[in-house]
């Protein structure tokens, strides 16, 4: 319910998706 908490979860998705893309490639 905090902007900070929501932002950090989205940050996790944003950056770890780059690693996932690398592995999928």
PDBML (XML) file of the C-alpha atoms, coordinates in Angstrom:
<?xml version="1.0" encoding="UTF-8" ?>
<PDBx:datablock datablockName="MODEL"
   xmlns:PDBx="http://pdbml.pdb.org/schema/pdbx-v50.xsd"
   xmlns:xsi="http://www.w3.org/2001/XMLSchema-instance"
   xsi:schemaLocation="http://pdbml.pdb.org/schema/pdbx-v50.xsd pdbx-v50.xsd">
   <PDBx:atom_siteCategory>
      <PDBx:atom_site id="1">
         <PDBx:B_iso_or_equiv>0.00</PDBx:B_iso_or_equiv>
         <PDBx:Cartn_x>0.000</PDBx:Cartn_x>
         <PDBx:Cartn_y>0.000</PDBx:Cartn_y>
         <PDBx:Cartn_z>0.000</PDBx:Cartn_z>
         <PDBx:auth_asym_id>A</PDBx:auth_asym_id>
         <PDBx:auth_atom_id>CA</PDBx:auth_atom_id>
         <PDBx:auth_comp_id>UNK</PDBx:auth_comp_id>
         <PDBx:auth_seq_id>1</PDBx:auth_seq_id>
         <PDBx:group_PDB>ATOM</PDBx:group_PDB>
         <PDBx:label_alt_id xsi:nil="true" />
         <PDBx:label_asym_id>A</PDBx:label_asym_id>
         <PDBx:label_atom_id>CA</PDBx:label_atom_id>
         <PDBx:label_comp_id>UNK</PDBx:label_comp_id>
         <PDBx:label_entity_id>1</PDBx:label_entity_id>
         <PDBx:label_seq_id>1</PDBx:label_seq_id>
         <PDBx:occupancy>1.00</PDBx:occupancy>
         <PDBx:pdbx_PDB_model_num>1</PDBx:pdbx_PDB_model_num>
         <PDBx:type_symbol>C</PDBx:type_symbol>
      </PDBx:atom_site>
      <PDBx:atom_site id="2">
         <PDBx:B_iso_or_equiv>0.00</PDBx:B_iso_or_equiv>
         <PDBx:Cartn_x>3.055</PDBx:Cartn_x>
         <PDBx:Cartn_y>2.265</PDBx:Cartn_y>
         <PDBx:Cartn_z>-0.024</PDBx:Cartn_z>
         <PDBx:auth_asym_id>A</PDBx:auth_asym_id>
         <PDBx:auth_atom_id>CA</PDBx:auth_atom_id>
         <PDBx:auth_comp_id>UNK</PDBx:auth_comp_id>
         <PDBx:auth_seq_id>2</PDBx:auth_seq_id>
         <PDBx:group_PDB>ATOM</PDBx:group_PDB>
         <PDBx:label_alt_id xsi:nil="true" />
         <PDBx:label_asym_id>A</PDBx:label_asym_id>
         <PDBx:label_atom_id>CA</PDBx:label_atom_id>
         <PDBx:label_comp_id>UNK</PDBx:label_comp_id>
         <PDBx:label_entity_id>1</PDBx:label_entity_id>
         <PDBx:label_seq_id>2</PDBx:label_seq_id>
         <PDBx:occupancy>1.00</PDBx:occupancy>
         <PDBx:pdbx_PDB_model_num>1</PDBx:pdbx_PDB_model_num>
         <PDBx:type_symbol>C</PDBx:type_symbol>
      </PDBx:atom_site>
      <PDBx:atom_site id="3">
         <PDBx:B_iso_or_equiv>0.00</PDBx:B_iso_or_equiv>
         <PDBx:Cartn_x>4.344</PDBx:Cartn_x>
         <PDBx:Cartn_y>3.778</PDBx:Cartn_y>
         <PDBx:Cartn_z>-3.257</PDBx:Cartn_z>
         <PDBx:auth_asym_id>A</PDBx:auth_asym_id>
         <PDBx:auth_atom_id>CA</PDBx:auth_atom_id>
         <PDBx:auth_comp_id>UNK</PDBx:auth_comp_id>
         <PDBx:auth_seq_id>3</PDBx:auth_seq_id>
         <PDBx:group_PDB>ATOM</PDBx:group_PDB>
         <PDBx:label_alt_id xsi:nil="true" />
         <PDBx:label_asym_id>A</PDBx:label_asym_id>
         <PDBx:label_atom_id>CA</PDBx:label_atom_id>
         <PDBx:label_comp_id>UNK</PDBx:label_comp_id>
         <PDBx:label_entity_id>1</PDBx:label_entity_id>
         <PDBx:label_seq_id>3</PDBx:label_seq_id>
         <PDBx:occupancy>1.00</PDBx:occupancy>
         <PDBx:pdbx_PDB_model_num>1</PDBx:pdbx_PDB_model_num>
         <PDBx:type_symbol>C</PDBx:type_symbol>
      </PDBx:atom_site>
      <PDBx:atom_site id="4">
         <PDBx:B_iso_or_equiv>0.00</PDBx:B_iso_or_equiv>
         <PDBx:Cartn_x>7.818</PDBx:Cartn_x>
         <PDBx:Cartn_y>2.672</PDBx:Cartn_y>
         <PDBx:Cartn_z>-2.231</PDBx:Cartn_z>
         <PDBx:auth_asym_id>A</PDBx:auth_asym_id>
         <PDBx:auth_atom_id>CA</PDBx:auth_atom_id>
         <PDBx:auth_comp_id>UNK</PDBx:auth_comp_id>
         <PDBx:auth_seq_id>4</PDBx:auth_seq_id>
         <PDBx:group_PDB>ATOM</PDBx:group_PDB>
         <PDBx:label_alt_id xsi:nil="true" />
         <PDBx:label_asym_id>A</PDBx:label_asym_id>
         <PDBx:label_atom_id>CA</PDBx:label_atom_id>
         <PDBx:label_comp_id>UNK</PDBx:label_comp_id>
         <PDBx:label_entity_id>1</PDBx:label_entity_id>
         <PDBx:label_seq_id>4</PDBx:label_seq_id>
         <PDBx:occupancy>1.00</PDBx:occupancy>
         <PDBx:pdbx_PDB_model_num>1</PDBx:pdbx_PDB_model_num>
         <PDBx:type_symbol>C</PDBx:type_symbol>
      </PDBx:atom_site>
      <PDBx:atom_site id="5">
         <PDBx:B_iso_or_equiv>0.00</PDBx:B_iso_or_equiv>
         <PDBx:Cartn_x>6.770</PDBx:Cartn_x>
         <PDBx:Cartn_y>-0.949</PDBx:Cartn_y>
         <PDBx:Cartn_z>-1.741</PDBx:Cartn_z>
         <PDBx:auth_asym_id>A</PDBx:auth_asym_id>
         <PDBx:auth_atom_id>CA</PDBx:auth_atom_id>
         <PDBx:auth_comp_id>UNK</PDBx:auth_comp_id>
         <PDBx:auth_seq_id>5</PDBx:auth_seq_id>
         <PDBx:group_PDB>ATOM</PDBx:group_PDB>
         <PDBx:label_alt_id xsi:nil="true" />
         <PDBx:label_asym_id>A</PDBx:label_asym_id>
         <PDBx:label_atom_id>CA</PDBx:label_atom_id>
         <PDBx:label_comp_id>UNK</PDBx:label_comp_id>
         <PDBx:label_entity_id>1</PDBx:label_entity_id>
         <PDBx:label_seq_id>5</PDBx:label_seq_id>
         <PDBx:occupancy>1.00</PDBx:occupancy>
         <PDBx:pdbx_PDB_model_num>1</PDBx:pdbx_PDB_model_num>
         <PDBx:type_symbol>C</PDBx:type_symbol>
      </PDBx:atom_site>
      <PDBx:atom_site id="6">
         <PDBx:B_iso_or_equiv>0.00</PDBx:B_iso_or_equiv>
         <PDBx:Cartn_x>4.904</PDBx:Cartn_x>
         <PDBx:Cartn_y>-1.114</PDBx:Cartn_y>
         <PDBx:Cartn_z>-5.058</PDBx:Cartn_z>
         <PDBx:auth_asym_id>A</PDBx:auth_asym_id>
         <PDBx:auth_atom_id>CA</PDBx:auth_atom_id>
         <PDBx:auth_comp_id>UNK</PDBx:auth_comp_id>
         <PDBx:auth_seq_id>6</PDBx:auth_seq_id>
         <PDBx:group_PDB>ATOM</PDBx:group_PDB>
         <PDBx:label_alt_id xsi:nil="true" />
         <PDBx:label_asym_id>A</PDBx:label_asym_id>
         <PDBx:label_atom_id>CA</PDBx:label_atom_id>
         <PDBx:label_comp_id>UNK</PDBx:label_comp_id>
         <PDBx:label_entity_id>1</PDBx:label_entity_id>
         <PDBx:label_seq_id>6</PDBx:label_seq_id>
         <PDBx:occupancy>1.00</PDBx:occupancy>
         <PDBx:pdbx_PDB_model_num>1</PDBx:pdbx_PDB_model_num>
         <PDBx:type_symbol>C</PDBx:type_symbol>
      </PDBx:atom_site>
      <PDBx:atom_site id="7">
         <PDBx:B_iso_or_equiv>0.00</PDBx:B_iso_or_equiv>
         <PDBx:Cartn_x>7.798</PDBx:Cartn_x>
         <PDBx:Cartn_y>0.536</PDBx:Cartn_y>
         <PDBx:Cartn_z>-6.875</PDBx:Cartn_z>
         <PDBx:auth_asym_id>A</PDBx:auth_asym_id>
         <PDBx:auth_atom_id>CA</PDBx:auth_atom_id>
         <PDBx:auth_comp_id>UNK</PDBx:auth_comp_id>
         <PDBx:auth_seq_id>7</PDBx:auth_seq_id>
         <PDBx:group_PDB>ATOM</PDBx:group_PDB>
         <PDBx:label_alt_id xsi:nil="true" />
         <PDBx:label_asym_id>A</PDBx:label_asym_id>
         <PDBx:label_atom_id>CA</PDBx:label_atom_id>
         <PDBx:label_comp_id>UNK</PDBx:label_comp_id>
         <PDBx:label_entity_id>1</PDBx:label_entity_id>
         <PDBx:label_seq_id>7</PDBx:label_seq_id>
         <PDBx:occupancy>1.00</PDBx:occupancy>
         <PDBx:pdbx_PDB_model_num>1</PDBx:pdbx_PDB_model_num>
         <PDBx:type_symbol>C</PDBx:type_symbol>
      </PDBx:atom_site>
      <PDBx:atom_site id="8">
         <PDBx:B_iso_or_equiv>0.00</PDBx:B_iso_or_equiv>
         <PDBx:Cartn_x>10.356</PDBx:Cartn_x>
         <PDBx:Cartn_y>-1.930</PDBx:Cartn_y>
         <PDBx:Cartn_z>-5.524</PDBx:Cartn_z>
         <PDBx:auth_asym_id>A</PDBx:auth_asym_id>
         <PDBx:auth_atom_id>CA</PDBx:auth_atom_id>
         <PDBx:auth_comp_id>UNK</PDBx:auth_comp_id>
         <PDBx:auth_seq_id>8</PDBx:auth_seq_id>
         <PDBx:group_PDB>ATOM</PDBx:group_PDB>
         <PDBx:label_alt_id xsi:nil="true" />
         <PDBx:label_asym_id>A</PDBx:label_asym_id>
         <PDBx:label_atom_id>CA</PDBx:label_atom_id>
         <PDBx:label_comp_id>UNK</PDBx:label_comp_id>
         <PDBx:label_entity_id>1</PDBx:label_entity_id>
         <PDBx:label_seq_id>8</PDBx:label_seq_id>
         <PDBx:occupancy>1.00</PDBx:occupancy>
         <PDBx:pdbx_PDB_model_num>1</PDBx:pdbx_PDB_model_num>
         <PDBx:type_symbol>C</PDBx:type_symbol>
      </PDBx:atom_site>
      <PDBx:atom_site id="9">
         <PDBx:B_iso_or_equiv>0.00</PDBx:B_iso_or_equiv>
         <PDBx:Cartn_x>8.287</PDBx:Cartn_x>
         <PDBx:Cartn_y>-4.946</PDBx:Cartn_y>
         <PDBx:Cartn_z>-6.558</PDBx:Cartn_z>
         <PDBx:auth_asym_id>A</PDBx:auth_asym_id>
         <PDBx:auth_atom_id>CA</PDBx:auth_atom_id>
         <PDBx:auth_comp_id>UNK</PDBx:auth_comp_id>
         <PDBx:auth_seq_id>9</PDBx:auth_seq_id>
         <PDBx:group_PDB>ATOM</PDBx:group_PDB>
         <PDBx:label_alt_id xsi:nil="true" />
         <PDBx:label_asym_id>A</PDBx:label_asym_id>
         <PDBx:label_atom_id>CA</PDBx:label_atom_id>
         <PDBx:label_comp_id>UNK</PDBx:label_comp_id>
         <PDBx:label_entity_id>1</PDBx:label_entity_id>
         <PDBx:label_seq_id>9</PDBx:label_seq_id>
         <PDBx:occupancy>1.00</PDBx:occupancy>
         <PDBx:pdbx_PDB_model_num>1</PDBx:pdbx_PDB_model_num>
         <PDBx:type_symbol>C</PDBx:type_symbol>
      </PDBx:atom_site>
      <PDBx:atom_site id="10">
         <PDBx:B_iso_or_equiv>0.00</PDBx:B_iso_or_equiv>
         <PDBx:Cartn_x>7.996</PDBx:Cartn_x>
         <PDBx:Cartn_y>-3.466</PDBx:Cartn_y>
         <PDBx:Cartn_z>-10.048</PDBx:Cartn_z>
         <PDBx:auth_asym_id>A</PDBx:auth_asym_id>
         <PDBx:auth_atom_id>CA</PDBx:auth_atom_id>
         <PDBx:auth_comp_id>UNK</PDBx:auth_comp_id>
         <PDBx:auth_seq_id>10</PDBx:auth_seq_id>
         <PDBx:group_PDB>ATOM</PDBx:group_PDB>
         <PDBx:label_alt_id xsi:nil="true" />
         <PDBx:label_asym_id>A</PDBx:label_asym_id>
         <PDBx:label_atom_id>CA</PDBx:label_atom_id>
         <PDBx:label_comp_id>UNK</PDBx:label_comp_id>
         <PDBx:label_entity_id>1</PDBx:label_entity_id>
         <PDBx:label_seq_id>10</PDBx:label_seq_id>
         <PDBx:occupancy>1.00</PDBx:occupancy>
         <PDBx:pdbx_PDB_model_num>1</PDBx:pdbx_PDB_model_num>
         <PDBx:type_symbol>C</PDBx:type_symbol>
      </PDBx:atom_site>
      <PDBx:atom_site id="11">
         <PDBx:B_iso_or_equiv>0.00</PDBx:B_iso_or_equiv>
         <PDBx:Cartn_x>11.725</PDBx:Cartn_x>
         <PDBx:Cartn_y>-2.735</PDBx:Cartn_y>
         <PDBx:Cartn_z>-9.986</PDBx:Cartn_z>
         <PDBx:auth_asym_id>A</PDBx:auth_asym_id>
         <PDBx:auth_atom_id>CA</PDBx:auth_atom_id>
         <PDBx:auth_comp_id>UNK</PDBx:auth_comp_id>
         <PDBx:auth_seq_id>11</PDBx:auth_seq_id>
         <PDBx:group_PDB>ATOM</PDBx:group_PDB>
         <PDBx:label_alt_id xsi:nil="true" />
         <PDBx:label_asym_id>A</PDBx:label_asym_id>
         <PDBx:label_atom_id>CA</PDBx:label_atom_id>
         <PDBx:label_comp_id>UNK</PDBx:label_comp_id>
         <PDBx:label_entity_id>1</PDBx:label_entity_id>
         <PDBx:label_seq_id>11</PDBx:label_seq_id>
         <PDBx:occupancy>1.00</PDBx:occupancy>
         <PDBx:pdbx_PDB_model_num>1</PDBx:pdbx_PDB_model_num>
         <PDBx:type_symbol>C</PDBx:type_symbol>
      </PDBx:atom_site>
      <PDBx:atom_site id="12">
         <PDBx:B_iso_or_equiv>0.00</PDBx:B_iso_or_equiv>
         <PDBx:Cartn_x>12.347</PDBx:Cartn_x>
         <PDBx:Cartn_y>-6.412</PDBx:Cartn_y>
         <PDBx:Cartn_z>-9.287</PDBx:Cartn_z>
         <PDBx:auth_asym_id>A</PDBx:auth_asym_id>
         <PDBx:auth_atom_id>CA</PDBx:auth_atom_id>
         <PDBx:auth_comp_id>UNK</PDBx:auth_comp_id>
         <PDBx:auth_seq_id>12</PDBx:auth_seq_id>
         <PDBx:group_PDB>ATOM</PDBx:group_PDB>
         <PDBx:label_alt_id xsi:nil="true" />
         <PDBx:label_asym_id>A</PDBx:label_asym_id>
         <PDBx:label_atom_id>CA</PDBx:label_atom_id>
         <PDBx:label_comp_id>UNK</PDBx:label_comp_id>
         <PDBx:label_entity_id>1</PDBx:label_entity_id>
         <PDBx:label_seq_id>12</PDBx:label_seq_id>
         <PDBx:occupancy>1.00</PDBx:occupancy>
         <PDBx:pdbx_PDB_model_num>1</PDBx:pdbx_PDB_model_num>
         <PDBx:type_symbol>C</PDBx:type_symbol>
      </PDBx:atom_site>
      <PDBx:atom_site id="13">
         <PDBx:B_iso_or_equiv>0.00</PDBx:B_iso_or_equiv>
         <PDBx:Cartn_x>10.219</PDBx:Cartn_x>
         <PDBx:Cartn_y>-7.396</PDBx:Cartn_y>
         <PDBx:Cartn_z>-12.301</PDBx:Cartn_z>
         <PDBx:auth_asym_id>A</PDBx:auth_asym_id>
         <PDBx:auth_atom_id>CA</PDBx:auth_atom_id>
         <PDBx:auth_comp_id>UNK</PDBx:auth_comp_id>
         <PDBx:auth_seq_id>13</PDBx:auth_seq_id>
         <PDBx:group_PDB>ATOM</PDBx:group_PDB>
         <PDBx:label_alt_id xsi:nil="true" />
         <PDBx:label_asym_id>A</PDBx:label_asym_id>
         <PDBx:label_atom_id>CA</PDBx:label_atom_id>
         <PDBx:label_comp_id>UNK</PDBx:label_comp_id>
         <PDBx:label_entity_id>1</PDBx:label_entity_id>
         <PDBx:label_seq_id>13</PDBx:label_seq_id>
         <PDBx:occupancy>1.00</PDBx:occupancy>
         <PDBx:pdbx_PDB_model_num>1</PDBx:pdbx_PDB_model_num>
         <PDBx:type_symbol>C</PDBx:type_symbol>
      </PDBx:atom_site>
      <PDBx:atom_site id="14">
         <PDBx:B_iso_or_equiv>0.00</PDBx:B_iso_or_equiv>
         <PDBx:Cartn_x>11.826</PDBx:Cartn_x>
         <PDBx:Cartn_y>-4.763</PDBx:Cartn_y>
         <PDBx:Cartn_z>-14.550</PDBx:Cartn_z>
         <PDBx:auth_asym_id>A</PDBx:auth_asym_id>
         <PDBx:auth_atom_id>CA</PDBx:auth_atom_id>
         <PDBx:auth_comp_id>UNK</PDBx:auth_comp_id>
         <PDBx:auth_seq_id>14</PDBx:auth_seq_id>
         <PDBx:group_PDB>ATOM</PDBx:group_PDB>
         <PDBx:label_alt_id xsi:nil="true" />
         <PDBx:label_asym_id>A</PDBx:label_asym_id>
         <PDBx:label_atom_id>CA</PDBx:label_atom_id>
         <PDBx:label_comp_id>UNK</PDBx:label_comp_id>
         <PDBx:label_entity_id>1</PDBx:label_entity_id>
         <PDBx:label_seq_id>14</PDBx:label_seq_id>
         <PDBx:occupancy>1.00</PDBx:occupancy>
         <PDBx:pdbx_PDB_model_num>1</PDBx:pdbx_PDB_model_num>
         <PDBx:type_symbol>C</PDBx:type_symbol>
      </PDBx:atom_site>
      <PDBx:atom_site id="15">
         <PDBx:B_iso_or_equiv>0.00</PDBx:B_iso_or_equiv>
         <PDBx:Cartn_x>15.439</PDBx:Cartn_x>
         <PDBx:Cartn_y>-5.764</PDBx:Cartn_y>
         <PDBx:Cartn_z>-13.916</PDBx:Cartn_z>
         <PDBx:auth_asym_id>A</PDBx:auth_asym_id>
         <PDBx:auth_atom_id>CA</PDBx:auth_atom_id>
         <PDBx:auth_comp_id>UNK</PDBx:auth_comp_id>
         <PDBx:auth_seq_id>15</PDBx:auth_seq_id>
         <PDBx:group_PDB>ATOM</PDBx:group_PDB>
         <PDBx:label_alt_id xsi:nil="true" />
         <PDBx:label_asym_id>A</PDBx:label_asym_id>
         <PDBx:label_atom_id>CA</PDBx:label_atom_id>
         <PDBx:label_comp_id>UNK</PDBx:label_comp_id>
         <PDBx:label_entity_id>1</PDBx:label_entity_id>
         <PDBx:label_seq_id>15</PDBx:label_seq_id>
         <PDBx:occupancy>1.00</PDBx:occupancy>
         <PDBx:pdbx_PDB_model_num>1</PDBx:pdbx_PDB_model_num>
         <PDBx:type_symbol>C</PDBx:type_symbol>
      </PDBx:atom_site>
      <PDBx:atom_site id="16">
         <PDBx:B_iso_or_equiv>0.00</PDBx:B_iso_or_equiv>
         <PDBx:Cartn_x>15.110</PDBx:Cartn_x>
         <PDBx:Cartn_y>-9.507</PDBx:Cartn_y>
         <PDBx:Cartn_z>-13.456</PDBx:Cartn_z>
         <PDBx:auth_asym_id>A</PDBx:auth_asym_id>
         <PDBx:auth_atom_id>CA</PDBx:auth_atom_id>
         <PDBx:auth_comp_id>UNK</PDBx:auth_comp_id>
         <PDBx:auth_seq_id>16</PDBx:auth_seq_id>
         <PDBx:group_PDB>ATOM</PDBx:group_PDB>
         <PDBx:label_alt_id xsi:nil="true" />
         <PDBx:label_asym_id>A</PDBx:label_asym_id>
         <PDBx:label_atom_id>CA</PDBx:label_atom_id>
         <PDBx:label_comp_id>UNK</PDBx:label_comp_id>
         <PDBx:label_entity_id>1</PDBx:label_entity_id>
         <PDBx:label_seq_id>16</PDBx:label_seq_id>
         <PDBx:occupancy>1.00</PDBx:occupancy>
         <PDBx:pdbx_PDB_model_num>1</PDBx:pdbx_PDB_model_num>
         <PDBx:type_symbol>C</PDBx:type_symbol>
      </PDBx:atom_site>
      <PDBx:atom_site id="17">
         <PDBx:B_iso_or_equiv>0.00</PDBx:B_iso_or_equiv>
         <PDBx:Cartn_x>13.190</PDBx:Cartn_x>
         <PDBx:Cartn_y>-9.666</PDBx:Cartn_y>
         <PDBx:Cartn_z>-16.737</PDBx:Cartn_z>
         <PDBx:auth_asym_id>A</PDBx:auth_asym_id>
         <PDBx:auth_atom_id>CA</PDBx:auth_atom_id>
         <PDBx:auth_comp_id>UNK</PDBx:auth_comp_id>
         <PDBx:auth_seq_id>17</PDBx:auth_seq_id>
         <PDBx:group_PDB>ATOM</PDBx:group_PDB>
         <PDBx:label_alt_id xsi:nil="true" />
         <PDBx:label_asym_id>A</PDBx:label_asym_id>
         <PDBx:label_atom_id>CA</PDBx:label_atom_id>
         <PDBx:label_comp_id>UNK</PDBx:label_comp_id>
         <PDBx:label_entity_id>1</PDBx:label_entity_id>
         <PDBx:label_seq_id>17</PDBx:label_seq_id>
         <PDBx:occupancy>1.00</PDBx:occupancy>
         <PDBx:pdbx_PDB_model_num>1</PDBx:pdbx_PDB_model_num>
         <PDBx:type_symbol>C</PDBx:type_symbol>
      </PDBx:atom_site>
      <PDBx:atom_site id="18">
         <PDBx:B_iso_or_equiv>0.00</PDBx:B_iso_or_equiv>
         <PDBx:Cartn_x>16.448</PDBx:Cartn_x>
         <PDBx:Cartn_y>-8.653</PDBx:Cartn_y>
         <PDBx:Cartn_z>-18.458</PDBx:Cartn_z>
         <PDBx:auth_asym_id>A</PDBx:auth_asym_id>
         <PDBx:auth_atom_id>CA</PDBx:auth_atom_id>
         <PDBx:auth_comp_id>UNK</PDBx:auth_comp_id>
         <PDBx:auth_seq_id>18</PDBx:auth_seq_id>
         <PDBx:group_PDB>ATOM</PDBx:group_PDB>
         <PDBx:label_alt_id xsi:nil="true" />
         <PDBx:label_asym_id>A</PDBx:label_asym_id>
         <PDBx:label_atom_id>CA</PDBx:label_atom_id>
         <PDBx:label_comp_id>UNK</PDBx:label_comp_id>
         <PDBx:label_entity_id>1</PDBx:label_entity_id>
         <PDBx:label_seq_id>18</PDBx:label_seq_id>
         <PDBx:occupancy>1.00</PDBx:occupancy>
         <PDBx:pdbx_PDB_model_num>1</PDBx:pdbx_PDB_model_num>
         <PDBx:type_symbol>C</PDBx:type_symbol>
      </PDBx:atom_site>
      <PDBx:atom_site id="19">
         <PDBx:B_iso_or_equiv>0.00</PDBx:B_iso_or_equiv>
         <PDBx:Cartn_x>18.178</PDBx:Cartn_x>
         <PDBx:Cartn_y>-11.680</PDBx:Cartn_y>
         <PDBx:Cartn_z>-16.970</PDBx:Cartn_z>
         <PDBx:auth_asym_id>A</PDBx:auth_asym_id>
         <PDBx:auth_atom_id>CA</PDBx:auth_atom_id>
         <PDBx:auth_comp_id>UNK</PDBx:auth_comp_id>
         <PDBx:auth_seq_id>19</PDBx:auth_seq_id>
         <PDBx:group_PDB>ATOM</PDBx:group_PDB>
         <PDBx:label_alt_id xsi:nil="true" />
         <PDBx:label_asym_id>A</PDBx:label_asym_id>
         <PDBx:label_atom_id>CA</PDBx:label_atom_id>
         <PDBx:label_comp_id>UNK</PDBx:label_comp_id>
         <PDBx:label_entity_id>1</PDBx:label_entity_id>
         <PDBx:label_seq_id>19</PDBx:label_seq_id>
         <PDBx:occupancy>1.00</PDBx:occupancy>
         <PDBx:pdbx_PDB_model_num>1</PDBx:pdbx_PDB_model_num>
         <PDBx:type_symbol>C</PDBx:type_symbol>
      </PDBx:atom_site>
      <PDBx:atom_site id="20">
         <PDBx:B_iso_or_equiv>0.00</PDBx:B_iso_or_equiv>
         <PDBx:Cartn_x>15.253</PDBx:Cartn_x>
         <PDBx:Cartn_y>-13.875</PDBx:Cartn_y>
         <PDBx:Cartn_z>-18.011</PDBx:Cartn_z>
         <PDBx:auth_asym_id>A</PDBx:auth_asym_id>
         <PDBx:auth_atom_id>CA</PDBx:auth_atom_id>
         <PDBx:auth_comp_id>UNK</PDBx:auth_comp_id>
         <PDBx:auth_seq_id>20</PDBx:auth_seq_id>
         <PDBx:group_PDB>ATOM</PDBx:group_PDB>
         <PDBx:label_alt_id xsi:nil="true" />
         <PDBx:label_asym_id>A</PDBx:label_asym_id>
         <PDBx:label_atom_id>CA</PDBx:label_atom_id>
         <PDBx:label_comp_id>UNK</PDBx:label_comp_id>
         <PDBx:label_entity_id>1</PDBx:label_entity_id>
         <PDBx:label_seq_id>20</PDBx:label_seq_id>
         <PDBx:occupancy>1.00</PDBx:occupancy>
         <PDBx:pdbx_PDB_model_num>1</PDBx:pdbx_PDB_model_num>
         <PDBx:type_symbol>C</PDBx:type_symbol>
      </PDBx:atom_site>
      <PDBx:atom_site id="21">
         <PDBx:B_iso_or_equiv>0.00</PDBx:B_iso_or_equiv>
         <PDBx:Cartn_x>15.471</PDBx:Cartn_x>
         <PDBx:Cartn_y>-12.520</PDBx:Cartn_y>
         <PDBx:Cartn_z>-21.565</PDBx:Cartn_z>
         <PDBx:auth_asym_id>A</PDBx:auth_asym_id>
         <PDBx:auth_atom_id>CA</PDBx:auth_atom_id>
         <PDBx:auth_comp_id>UNK</PDBx:auth_comp_id>
         <PDBx:auth_seq_id>21</PDBx:auth_seq_id>
         <PDBx:group_PDB>ATOM</PDBx:group_PDB>
         <PDBx:label_alt_id xsi:nil="true" />
         <PDBx:label_asym_id>A</PDBx:label_asym_id>
         <PDBx:label_atom_id>CA</PDBx:label_atom_id>
         <PDBx:label_comp_id>UNK</PDBx:label_comp_id>
         <PDBx:label_entity_id>1</PDBx:label_entity_id>
         <PDBx:label_seq_id>21</PDBx:label_seq_id>
         <PDBx:occupancy>1.00</PDBx:occupancy>
         <PDBx:pdbx_PDB_model_num>1</PDBx:pdbx_PDB_model_num>
         <PDBx:type_symbol>C</PDBx:type_symbol>
      </PDBx:atom_site>
      <PDBx:atom_site id="22">
         <PDBx:B_iso_or_equiv>0.00</PDBx:B_iso_or_equiv>
         <PDBx:Cartn_x>19.186</PDBx:Cartn_x>
         <PDBx:Cartn_y>-13.313</PDBx:Cartn_y>
         <PDBx:Cartn_z>-21.625</PDBx:Cartn_z>
         <PDBx:auth_asym_id>A</PDBx:auth_asym_id>
         <PDBx:auth_atom_id>CA</PDBx:auth_atom_id>
         <PDBx:auth_comp_id>UNK</PDBx:auth_comp_id>
         <PDBx:auth_seq_id>22</PDBx:auth_seq_id>
         <PDBx:group_PDB>ATOM</PDBx:group_PDB>
         <PDBx:label_alt_id xsi:nil="true" />
         <PDBx:label_asym_id>A</PDBx:label_asym_id>
         <PDBx:label_atom_id>CA</PDBx:label_atom_id>
         <PDBx:label_comp_id>UNK</PDBx:label_comp_id>
         <PDBx:label_entity_id>1</PDBx:label_entity_id>
         <PDBx:label_seq_id>22</PDBx:label_seq_id>
         <PDBx:occupancy>1.00</PDBx:occupancy>
         <PDBx:pdbx_PDB_model_num>1</PDBx:pdbx_PDB_model_num>
         <PDBx:type_symbol>C</PDBx:type_symbol>
      </PDBx:atom_site>
      <PDBx:atom_site id="23">
         <PDBx:B_iso_or_equiv>0.00</PDBx:B_iso_or_equiv>
         <PDBx:Cartn_x>18.551</PDBx:Cartn_x>
         <PDBx:Cartn_y>-16.900</PDBx:Cartn_y>
         <PDBx:Cartn_z>-20.477</PDBx:Cartn_z>
         <PDBx:auth_asym_id>A</PDBx:auth_asym_id>
         <PDBx:auth_atom_id>CA</PDBx:auth_atom_id>
         <PDBx:auth_comp_id>UNK</PDBx:auth_comp_id>
         <PDBx:auth_seq_id>23</PDBx:auth_seq_id>
         <PDBx:group_PDB>ATOM</PDBx:group_PDB>
         <PDBx:label_alt_id xsi:nil="true" />
         <PDBx:label_asym_id>A</PDBx:label_asym_id>
         <PDBx:label_atom_id>CA</PDBx:label_atom_id>
         <PDBx:label_comp_id>UNK</PDBx:label_comp_id>
         <PDBx:label_entity_id>1</PDBx:label_entity_id>
         <PDBx:label_seq_id>23</PDBx:label_seq_id>
         <PDBx:occupancy>1.00</PDBx:occupancy>
         <PDBx:pdbx_PDB_model_num>1</PDBx:pdbx_PDB_model_num>
         <PDBx:type_symbol>C</PDBx:type_symbol>
      </PDBx:atom_site>
      <PDBx:atom_site id="24">
         <PDBx:B_iso_or_equiv>0.00</PDBx:B_iso_or_equiv>
         <PDBx:Cartn_x>15.706</PDBx:Cartn_x>
         <PDBx:Cartn_y>-17.424</PDBx:Cartn_y>
         <PDBx:Cartn_z>-22.949</PDBx:Cartn_z>
         <PDBx:auth_asym_id>A</PDBx:auth_asym_id>
         <PDBx:auth_atom_id>CA</PDBx:auth_atom_id>
         <PDBx:auth_comp_id>UNK</PDBx:auth_comp_id>
         <PDBx:auth_seq_id>24</PDBx:auth_seq_id>
         <PDBx:group_PDB>ATOM</PDBx:group_PDB>
         <PDBx:label_alt_id xsi:nil="true" />
         <PDBx:label_asym_id>A</PDBx:label_asym_id>
         <PDBx:label_atom_id>CA</PDBx:label_atom_id>
         <PDBx:label_comp_id>UNK</PDBx:label_comp_id>
         <PDBx:label_entity_id>1</PDBx:label_entity_id>
         <PDBx:label_seq_id>24</PDBx:label_seq_id>
         <PDBx:occupancy>1.00</PDBx:occupancy>
         <PDBx:pdbx_PDB_model_num>1</PDBx:pdbx_PDB_model_num>
         <PDBx:type_symbol>C</PDBx:type_symbol>
      </PDBx:atom_site>
      <PDBx:atom_site id="25">
         <PDBx:B_iso_or_equiv>0.00</PDBx:B_iso_or_equiv>
         <PDBx:Cartn_x>17.865</PDBx:Cartn_x>
         <PDBx:Cartn_y>-16.198</PDBx:Cartn_y>
         <PDBx:Cartn_z>-25.815</PDBx:Cartn_z>
         <PDBx:auth_asym_id>A</PDBx:auth_asym_id>
         <PDBx:auth_atom_id>CA</PDBx:auth_atom_id>
         <PDBx:auth_comp_id>UNK</PDBx:auth_comp_id>
         <PDBx:auth_seq_id>25</PDBx:auth_seq_id>
         <PDBx:group_PDB>ATOM</PDBx:group_PDB>
         <PDBx:label_alt_id xsi:nil="true" />
         <PDBx:label_asym_id>A</PDBx:label_asym_id>
         <PDBx:label_atom_id>CA</PDBx:label_atom_id>
         <PDBx:label_comp_id>UNK</PDBx:label_comp_id>
         <PDBx:label_entity_id>1</PDBx:label_entity_id>
         <PDBx:label_seq_id>25</PDBx:label_seq_id>
         <PDBx:occupancy>1.00</PDBx:occupancy>
         <PDBx:pdbx_PDB_model_num>1</PDBx:pdbx_PDB_model_num>
         <PDBx:type_symbol>C</PDBx:type_symbol>
      </PDBx:atom_site>
   </PDBx:atom_siteCategory>
</PDBx:datablock>
